[in-house]
């Protein structure tokens, strides 16, 4: 059986303009642009890898928190679990996905 987190289709639609692929990872699924992972999906949660400035802004949103691959695990560095309010607003979510993918791609250049 193929594992697909609940918000998989939403993530792939928001990232359809990028060179993206998904790969099973830990208890969830990593979403990559090129060779760099920029999102992590598990269950109903989506964590986005963000620049320090964007992460600080995102963590100021009600319900946002550091992303954990499993409830009792350490947070994933630079990943923010996006709040339901953002996930349920496709335009807002797409903007955050763009920031995340741009940040991941910029890291490939360094």
C-alpha atoms as a PDB file:
ATOM      1  CA  UNK A   1       0.000   0.000   0.000  1.00  0.00           C
ATOM      2  CA  UNK A   2       1.301   3.473  -0.904  1.00  0.00           C
ATOM      3  CA  UNK A   3       1.556   5.869   2.037  1.00  0.00           C
ATOM      4  CA  UNK A   4      -0.010   9.266   1.374  1.00  0.00           C
ATOM      5  CA  UNK A   5      -0.441  11.769   4.204  1.00  0.00           C
ATOM      6  CA  UNK A   6      -3.845  13.435   4.391  1.00  0.00           C
ATOM      7  CA  UNK A   7      -2.602  16.735   2.956  1.00  0.00           C
ATOM      8  CA  UNK A   8      -0.426  15.184   0.215  1.00  0.00           C
ATOM      9  CA  UNK A   9      -2.596  16.346  -2.708  1.00  0.00           C
ATOM     10  CA  UNK A  10      -2.797  19.867  -1.267  1.00  0.00           C
ATOM     11  CA  UNK A  11       1.000  20.011  -0.936  1.00  0.00           C
ATOM     12  CA  UNK A  12       1.628  18.725  -4.451  1.00  0.00           C
ATOM     13  CA  UNK A  13      -0.876  21.205  -5.925  1.00  0.00           C
ATOM     14  CA  UNK A  14       0.774  24.120  -4.086  1.00  0.00           C
ATOM     15  CA  UNK A  15       4.208  22.993  -5.301  1.00  0.00           C
ATOM     16  CA  UNK A  16       3.255  21.968  -8.843  1.00  0.00           C
ATOM     17  CA  UNK A  17       5.345  24.729 -10.442  1.00  0.00           C
ATOM     18  CA  UNK A  18       8.548  23.401  -8.821  1.00  0.00           C
ATOM     19  CA  UNK A  19      10.621  20.362  -9.691  1.00  0.00           C
ATOM     20  CA  UNK A  20       9.199  18.325  -6.804  1.00  0.00           C
ATOM     21  CA  UNK A  21       9.149  14.724  -5.729  1.00  0.00           C
ATOM     22  CA  UNK A  22       8.006  12.935  -2.616  1.00  0.00           C
ATOM     23  CA  UNK A  23       9.838  10.252  -0.665  1.00  0.00           C
ATOM     24  CA  UNK A  24       8.785   8.236   2.361  1.00  0.00           C
ATOM     25  CA  UNK A  25      10.762   9.298   5.422  1.00  0.00           C
ATOM     26  CA  UNK A  26      10.420   8.284   9.079  1.00  0.00           C
ATOM     27  CA  UNK A  27       6.707   8.269   9.917  1.00  0.00           C
ATOM     28  CA  UNK A  28       5.845  10.656   7.078  1.00  0.00           C
ATOM     29  CA  UNK A  29       6.920  11.913   3.692  1.00  0.00           C
ATOM     30  CA  UNK A  30       9.585  14.389   2.601  1.00  0.00           C
ATOM     31  CA  UNK A  31       8.887  16.744  -0.304  1.00  0.00           C
ATOM     32  CA  UNK A  32      11.933  17.748  -2.336  1.00  0.00           C
ATOM     33  CA  UNK A  33      12.803  20.384  -4.891  1.00  0.00           C
ATOM     34  CA  UNK A  34      15.850  19.162  -6.739  1.00  0.00           C
ATOM     35  CA  UNK A  35      17.873  17.335  -4.087  1.00  0.00           C
ATOM     36  CA  UNK A  36      16.775  19.523  -1.165  1.00  0.00           C
ATOM     37  CA  UNK A  37      13.895  18.647   1.134  1.00  0.00           C
ATOM     38  CA  UNK A  38      11.708  21.652   1.876  1.00  0.00           C
ATOM     39  CA  UNK A  39       8.576  20.121   3.398  1.00  0.00           C
ATOM     40  CA  UNK A  40       7.680  17.233   5.663  1.00  0.00           C
ATOM     41  CA  UNK A  41       4.203  15.734   5.815  1.00  0.00           C
ATOM     42  CA  UNK A  42       2.893  13.444   8.512  1.00  0.00           C
ATOM     43  CA  UNK A  43      -0.788  12.756   9.101  1.00  0.00           C
ATOM     44  CA  UNK A  44      -2.609  16.087   8.844  1.00  0.00           C
ATOM     45  CA  UNK A  45       0.532  18.143   9.530  1.00  0.00           C
ATOM     46  CA  UNK A  46       2.837  19.933   7.115  1.00  0.00           C
ATOM     47  CA  UNK A  47       6.177  21.285   8.253  1.00  0.00           C
ATOM     48  CA  UNK A  48       8.000  23.741   6.001  1.00  0.00           C
ATOM     49  CA  UNK A  49      11.724  24.451   6.055  1.00  0.00           C
ATOM     50  CA  UNK A  50      12.055  28.209   6.382  1.00  0.00           C
ATOM     51  CA  UNK A  51      14.776  30.824   6.552  1.00  0.00           C
ATOM     52  CA  UNK A  52      15.434  32.091  10.085  1.00  0.00           C
ATOM     53  CA  UNK A  53      13.432  35.266   9.347  1.00  0.00           C
ATOM     54  CA  UNK A  54      10.481  33.397   7.817  1.00  0.00           C
ATOM     55  CA  UNK A  55      10.548  30.792  10.600  1.00  0.00           C
ATOM     56  CA  UNK A  56      10.360  33.544  13.218  1.00  0.00           C
ATOM     57  CA  UNK A  57       7.380  35.081  11.405  1.00  0.00           C
ATOM     58  CA  UNK A  58       5.656  31.700  11.009  1.00  0.00           C
ATOM     59  CA  UNK A  59       6.180  30.781  14.664  1.00  0.00           C
ATOM     60  CA  UNK A  60       4.314  33.975  15.545  1.00  0.00           C
ATOM     61  CA  UNK A  61       1.164  32.588  13.927  1.00  0.00           C
ATOM     62  CA  UNK A  62      -1.364  31.079  16.348  1.00  0.00           C
ATOM     63  CA  UNK A  63      -0.976  27.289  16.341  1.00  0.00           C
ATOM     64  CA  UNK A  64       2.428  27.180  14.623  1.00  0.00           C
ATOM     65  CA  UNK A  65       5.249  25.306  16.342  1.00  0.00           C
ATOM     66  CA  UNK A  66       8.537  23.561  15.565  1.00  0.00           C
ATOM     67  CA  UNK A  67       7.915  20.446  13.432  1.00  0.00           C
ATOM     68  CA  UNK A  68       8.496  17.046  15.032  1.00  0.00           C
ATOM     69  CA  UNK A  69       8.552  13.866  12.928  1.00  0.00           C
ATOM     70  CA  UNK A  70       6.878  12.055  15.835  1.00  0.00           C
ATOM     71  CA  UNK A  71       5.110  13.505  18.904  1.00  0.00           C
ATOM     72  CA  UNK A  72       7.906  12.763  21.400  1.00  0.00           C
ATOM     73  CA  UNK A  73      10.857  13.391  19.077  1.00  0.00           C
ATOM     74  CA  UNK A  74      13.194  16.361  18.877  1.00  0.00           C
ATOM     75  CA  UNK A  75      12.099  19.203  16.582  1.00  0.00           C
ATOM     76  CA  UNK A  76      13.394  19.194  13.013  1.00  0.00           C
ATOM     77  CA  UNK A  77      15.843  22.118  12.645  1.00  0.00           C
ATOM     78  CA  UNK A  78      14.430  25.011  10.578  1.00  0.00           C
ATOM     79  CA  UNK A  79      11.027  23.308  10.068  1.00  0.00           C
ATOM     80  CA  UNK A  80       7.791  24.913  11.257  1.00  0.00           C
ATOM     81  CA  UNK A  81       4.546  22.969  11.599  1.00  0.00           C
ATOM     82  CA  UNK A  82       2.117  25.248   9.842  1.00  0.00           C
ATOM     83  CA  UNK A  83      -1.127  26.007  11.673  1.00  0.00           C
ATOM     84  CA  UNK A  84      -4.480  24.755  10.435  1.00  0.00           C
ATOM     85  CA  UNK A  85      -5.553  28.324   9.603  1.00  0.00           C
ATOM     86  CA  UNK A  86      -2.728  28.549   7.023  1.00  0.00           C
ATOM     87  CA  UNK A  87      -3.230  24.997   5.730  1.00  0.00           C
ATOM     88  CA  UNK A  88      -6.928  25.640   5.181  1.00  0.00           C
ATOM     89  CA  UNK A  89      -6.288  28.819   3.121  1.00  0.00           C
ATOM     90  CA  UNK A  90      -4.746  27.688  -0.168  1.00  0.00           C
ATOM     91  CA  UNK A  91      -3.456  31.136  -1.195  1.00  0.00           C
ATOM     92  CA  UNK A  92      -1.738  31.698   2.142  1.00  0.00           C
ATOM     93  CA  UNK A  93      -0.399  28.149   2.183  1.00  0.00           C
ATOM     94  CA  UNK A  94       0.945  28.475  -1.375  1.00  0.00           C
ATOM     95  CA  UNK A  95       2.816  31.633  -0.374  1.00  0.00           C
ATOM     96  CA  UNK A  96       4.513  29.809   2.503  1.00  0.00           C
ATOM     97  CA  UNK A  97       5.352  26.854   0.225  1.00  0.00           C
ATOM     98  CA  UNK A  98       6.966  29.309  -2.217  1.00  0.00           C
ATOM     99  CA  UNK A  99       9.101  30.798   0.571  1.00  0.00           C
ATOM    100  CA  UNK A 100      10.123  27.329   1.711  1.00  0.00           C
ATOM    101  CA  UNK A 101      11.055  26.062  -1.756  1.00  0.00           C
ATOM    102  CA  UNK A 102      12.949  29.280  -2.523  1.00  0.00           C
ATOM    103  CA  UNK A 103      14.920  28.910   0.708  1.00  0.00           C
ATOM    104  CA  UNK A 104      15.732  25.252  -0.030  1.00  0.00           C
ATOM    105  CA  UNK A 105      16.849  26.109  -3.572  1.00  0.00           C
ATOM    106  CA  UNK A 106      19.022  28.976  -2.301  1.00  0.00           C
ATOM    107  CA  UNK A 107      20.781  26.511   0.026  1.00  0.00           C
ATOM    108  CA  UNK A 108      21.790  24.449  -3.053  1.00  0.00           C
ATOM    109  CA  UNK A 109      23.848  27.370  -4.300  1.00  0.00           C
ATOM    110  CA  UNK A 110      26.018  27.556  -1.159  1.00  0.00           C
END
